Amino acid sequence: MTTTYVTLAPDTTAERIMANPGVQRVPSPRLDLFIAKRFLDPEHCARLCALIDARRRPSTIADPNGDQYFRTSETCDFDLANKDVTRLEALLCQWTGIDPAYGEPLQGQRYAVGQEFKGHTDYFEPTGVDFDKFCADAGNRTWTVMIYLNQPEAGGATRFKVIDKTVQPETGKLLAWNNRRPDGTLNPATLHHGMKVRKGLKFVVTKWYRERPWWR
């Protein structure tokens, strides 16, 4: 089957996302935020969790802010040849309608008890010291898609503080949001906090899209 990709314009991408069955749009004028439960089946999620466990390393941030506890999770750089990874890439391209050339490679994250990612935005600040390093070629991040791969026993929610929306992790649940306003400017209302896990582990997988093709 041939996939037709839409233009990477914020309004068009949002419309494409809403055309998928079972998508909930969070009612807020401040940002485009979507939730889709059971996007991935539990078996696929479990296999991705195992990949993250096997390849995890300490997570990092751009423009360190002096807080060594700002992001305490671990990150996995997936083997892009793995069939479960390539299958997920294809599912996300179909679901978002975004040309895969604009996507960063998928990343996995693992949070143990007490680990978190404090309030942050996914785009790179134009005034940041590392902006040119991360954005010179592909531009800034546009859309974020994140999938919870499991449900920890307690904690691990994602809180969007500006709109007072907290999303609880559930196996296979997808979150997607536009990091820009309708006029294309960066949207600080996307500030979100990966809250501490209180019991158990939390696994997520994240896909970020850019303004220009990632590989050229």
Protein backbone atom coordinates (compact mmCIF):
# COMPACT_ATOMS: atom_id res chain seq x y z
CA MET A 1 0.00 0.00 0.00
CA THR A 2 1.29 3.45 -0.91
CA THR A 3 1.30 6.02 1.89
CA THR A 4 0.43 9.62 1.05
CA TYR A 5 2.21 12.13 3.24
CA VAL A 6 0.77 15.50 4.12
CA THR A 7 2.58 18.81 4.33
CA LEU A 8 4.44 19.44 7.56
CA ALA A 9 2.18 22.35 8.48
CA PRO A 10 0.88 22.34 12.08
CA ASP A 11 -2.81 22.61 11.17
CA THR A 12 -2.60 19.93 8.48
CA THR A 13 -0.78 17.49 10.73
CA ALA A 14 -3.35 18.02 13.48
CA GLU A 15 -6.16 17.31 11.02
CA ARG A 16 -4.41 14.15 9.85
CA ILE A 17 -4.00 12.96 13.43
CA MET A 18 -7.67 13.60 14.19
CA ALA A 19 -8.64 11.50 11.17
CA ASN A 20 -7.34 8.40 12.98
CA PRO A 21 -9.88 6.38 14.97
CA GLY A 22 -9.97 6.69 18.74
CA VAL A 23 -8.02 9.95 19.01
CA GLN A 24 -8.88 12.38 21.81
CA ARG A 25 -7.96 16.04 21.43
CA VAL A 26 -7.27 17.68 24.78
CA PRO A 27 -9.54 20.74 24.96
CA SER A 28 -7.14 23.66 25.28
CA PRO A 29 -6.63 26.80 23.19
CA ARG A 30 -3.00 26.89 24.32
CA LEU A 31 -1.61 23.90 22.43
CA ASP A 32 -2.44 20.96 20.17
CA LEU A 33 -2.27 17.84 22.37
CA PHE A 34 -3.69 14.46 21.38
CA ILE A 35 -4.13 11.12 23.18
CA ALA A 36 -4.69 7.72 21.60
CA LYS A 37 -5.14 4.75 23.91
CA ARG A 38 -4.00 1.26 22.90
CA PHE A 39 -1.95 2.53 19.97
CA LEU A 40 0.50 -0.35 20.44
CA ASP A 41 -0.39 -3.86 21.50
CA PRO A 42 1.09 -5.15 24.80
CA GLU A 43 3.34 -7.71 23.09
CA HIS A 44 4.98 -5.08 20.88
CA CYS A 45 5.41 -2.85 23.93
CA ALA A 46 7.03 -5.65 25.93
CA ARG A 47 9.58 -6.34 23.20
CA LEU A 48 10.50 -2.66 23.00
CA CYS A 49 10.90 -2.55 26.80
CA ALA A 50 13.36 -5.43 26.57
CA LEU A 51 15.35 -3.58 23.90
CA ILE A 52 15.52 -0.47 26.10
CA ASP A 53 16.64 -2.50 29.11
CA ALA A 54 19.45 -4.07 27.08
CA ARG A 55 20.82 -0.83 25.54
CA ARG A 56 20.16 1.90 28.11
CA ARG A 57 22.60 4.66 29.01
CA PRO A 58 22.28 7.80 31.18
CA SER A 59 20.02 10.42 29.61
CA THR A 60 21.44 13.84 28.74
CA ILE A 61 20.07 17.33 28.07
CA ALA A 62 21.07 20.17 25.76
CA ASP A 63 22.29 23.33 27.46
CA PRO A 64 22.99 21.91 30.95
CA ASN A 65 21.42 24.11 33.64
CA GLY A 66 23.51 23.08 36.65
CA ASP A 67 20.83 20.78 38.08
CA GLN A 68 22.32 17.27 38.03
CA TYR A 69 18.92 15.85 38.96
CA PHE A 70 16.99 17.62 36.19
CA ARG A 71 16.83 14.50 34.01
CA THR A 72 17.65 11.26 35.78
CA SER A 73 16.22 8.68 33.37
CA GLU A 74 18.11 6.36 31.04
CA THR A 75 17.95 6.45 27.23
CA CYS A 76 18.15 3.77 24.55
CA ASP A 77 19.40 4.35 21.03
CA PHE A 78 17.58 1.63 19.14
CA ASP A 79 19.04 -0.68 16.53
CA LEU A 80 17.22 0.76 13.52
CA ALA A 81 17.36 -2.64 11.78
CA ASN A 82 15.27 -4.29 14.49
CA LYS A 83 11.90 -5.38 13.11
CA ASP A 84 9.93 -4.03 16.09
CA VAL A 85 11.58 -0.63 15.66
CA THR A 86 10.99 -0.50 11.90
CA ARG A 87 7.38 -1.58 12.42
CA LEU A 88 6.81 1.25 14.90
CA GLU A 89 8.44 3.77 12.56
CA ALA A 90 6.02 2.74 9.83
CA LEU A 91 3.01 2.94 12.16
CA LEU A 92 3.94 6.46 13.25
CA CYS A 93 4.47 7.66 9.69
CA GLN A 94 1.03 6.39 8.75
CA TRP A 95 -0.62 7.81 11.89
CA THR A 96 0.92 11.30 11.66
CA GLY A 97 1.14 11.58 7.89
CA ILE A 98 4.56 13.19 8.29
CA ASP A 99 7.21 12.26 5.74
CA PRO A 100 9.71 9.99 7.56
CA ALA A 101 12.60 12.09 6.26
CA TYR A 102 11.67 14.72 8.88
CA GLY A 103 11.85 12.32 11.81
CA GLU A 104 14.69 11.83 14.25
CA PRO A 105 15.52 8.18 15.03
CA LEU A 106 13.25 6.64 17.64
CA GLN A 107 14.54 6.75 21.21
CA GLY A 108 13.51 4.76 24.26
CA GLN A 109 13.58 5.95 27.86
CA ARG A 110 13.54 4.04 31.14
CA TYR A 111 12.60 5.52 34.52
CA ALA A 112 13.30 3.67 37.77
CA VAL A 113 11.89 4.62 41.17
CA GLY A 114 12.65 8.28 41.94
CA GLN A 115 13.73 9.13 38.40
CA GLU A 116 12.12 11.98 36.48
CA PHE A 117 12.54 14.61 33.80
CA LYS A 118 11.68 17.99 35.32
CA GLY A 119 9.62 20.61 33.48
CA HIS A 120 10.99 21.17 29.98
CA THR A 121 10.04 21.79 26.38
CA ASP A 122 11.17 19.53 23.54
CA TYR A 123 12.23 22.31 21.19
CA PHE A 124 15.67 23.86 21.38
CA GLU A 125 15.88 27.43 22.64
CA PRO A 126 17.25 29.70 19.88
CA THR A 127 19.32 31.52 22.51
CA GLY A 128 20.81 28.30 23.86
CA VAL A 129 24.54 27.73 23.55
CA ASP A 130 23.97 24.41 21.76
CA PHE A 131 21.26 25.63 19.37
CA ASP A 132 23.48 25.64 16.29
CA LYS A 133 24.87 22.23 17.18
CA PHE A 134 21.45 20.62 17.28
CA CYS A 135 19.46 22.71 14.78
CA ALA A 136 21.81 23.99 12.08
CA ASP A 137 20.87 21.32 9.55
CA ALA A 138 17.40 19.96 10.34
CA GLY A 139 15.96 22.97 12.14
CA ASN A 140 13.99 22.86 15.37
CA ARG A 141 11.59 20.20 16.58
CA THR A 142 8.02 20.48 15.40
CA TRP A 143 5.95 17.51 16.60
CA THR A 144 6.57 15.11 19.49
CA VAL A 145 5.03 11.65 19.67
CA MET A 146 5.52 9.64 22.87
CA ILE A 147 4.19 6.19 23.74
CA TYR A 148 3.99 4.63 27.18
CA LEU A 149 5.21 1.04 26.88
CA ASN A 150 4.01 -0.06 30.31
CA GLN A 151 2.16 1.14 33.39
CA PRO A 152 4.31 1.54 36.50
CA GLU A 153 2.77 0.55 39.79
CA ALA A 154 2.73 4.17 40.97
CA GLY A 155 3.78 7.56 39.61
CA GLY A 156 5.33 8.36 36.27
CA ALA A 157 2.62 10.66 34.92
CA THR A 158 3.29 13.40 32.37
CA ARG A 159 2.13 16.82 33.53
CA PHE A 160 1.54 19.75 31.19
CA LYS A 161 1.71 22.48 33.80
CA VAL A 162 0.58 25.47 31.73
CA ILE A 163 -2.77 23.86 30.85
CA ASP A 164 -3.03 21.89 34.13
CA LYS A 165 -3.31 18.54 32.34
CA THR A 166 -1.81 15.36 33.81
CA VAL A 167 -1.70 12.20 31.70
CA GLN A 168 -1.34 8.86 33.46
CA PRO A 169 0.81 6.15 31.85
CA GLU A 170 -1.01 3.16 30.38
CA THR A 171 0.49 0.40 28.26
CA GLY A 172 0.34 1.36 24.59
CA LYS A 173 -1.07 4.88 25.14
CA LEU A 174 0.23 7.52 22.73
CA LEU A 175 0.63 11.26 23.31
CA ALA A 176 1.30 13.69 20.46
CA TRP A 177 1.74 17.44 20.59
CA ASN A 178 2.76 20.30 18.38
CA ASN A 179 5.75 22.21 19.74
CA ARG A 180 4.68 25.30 17.79
CA ARG A 181 1.79 27.72 17.80
CA PRO A 182 -0.46 28.05 14.72
CA ASP A 183 1.75 30.87 13.41
CA GLY A 184 4.81 28.60 13.56
CA THR A 185 6.47 30.21 16.59
CA LEU A 186 7.70 28.07 19.46
CA ASN A 187 5.05 27.28 22.04
CA PRO A 188 6.11 27.49 25.73
CA ALA A 189 2.72 26.04 26.72
CA THR A 190 4.17 22.65 25.77
CA LEU A 191 6.19 22.70 29.01
CA HIS A 192 5.85 19.20 30.49
CA HIS A 193 7.24 17.20 33.40
CA GLY A 194 7.97 13.48 33.34
CA MET A 195 7.05 13.00 36.99
CA LYS A 196 8.84 10.69 39.40
CA VAL A 197 8.11 6.99 39.34
CA ARG A 198 7.01 5.98 42.85
CA LYS A 199 6.91 2.21 42.40
CA GLY A 200 8.05 -0.06 39.59
CA LEU A 201 9.55 1.02 36.25
CA LYS A 202 8.34 3.21 33.42
CA PHE A 203 9.30 2.70 29.78
CA VAL A 204 8.46 5.11 26.97
CA VAL A 205 9.46 5.54 23.35
CA THR A 206 9.70 8.99 21.76
CA LYS A 207 9.73 10.27 18.18
CA TRP A 208 10.58 13.87 17.34
CA TYR A 209 10.05 15.57 13.99
CA ARG A 210 11.99 18.51 12.55
CA GLU A 211 11.44 21.53 10.30
CA ARG A 212 13.70 20.11 7.59
CA PRO A 213 14.76 16.58 6.64
CA TRP A 214 16.84 14.88 9.31
CA TRP A 215 19.08 13.03 6.83
CA ARG A 216 20.10 14.96 3.72
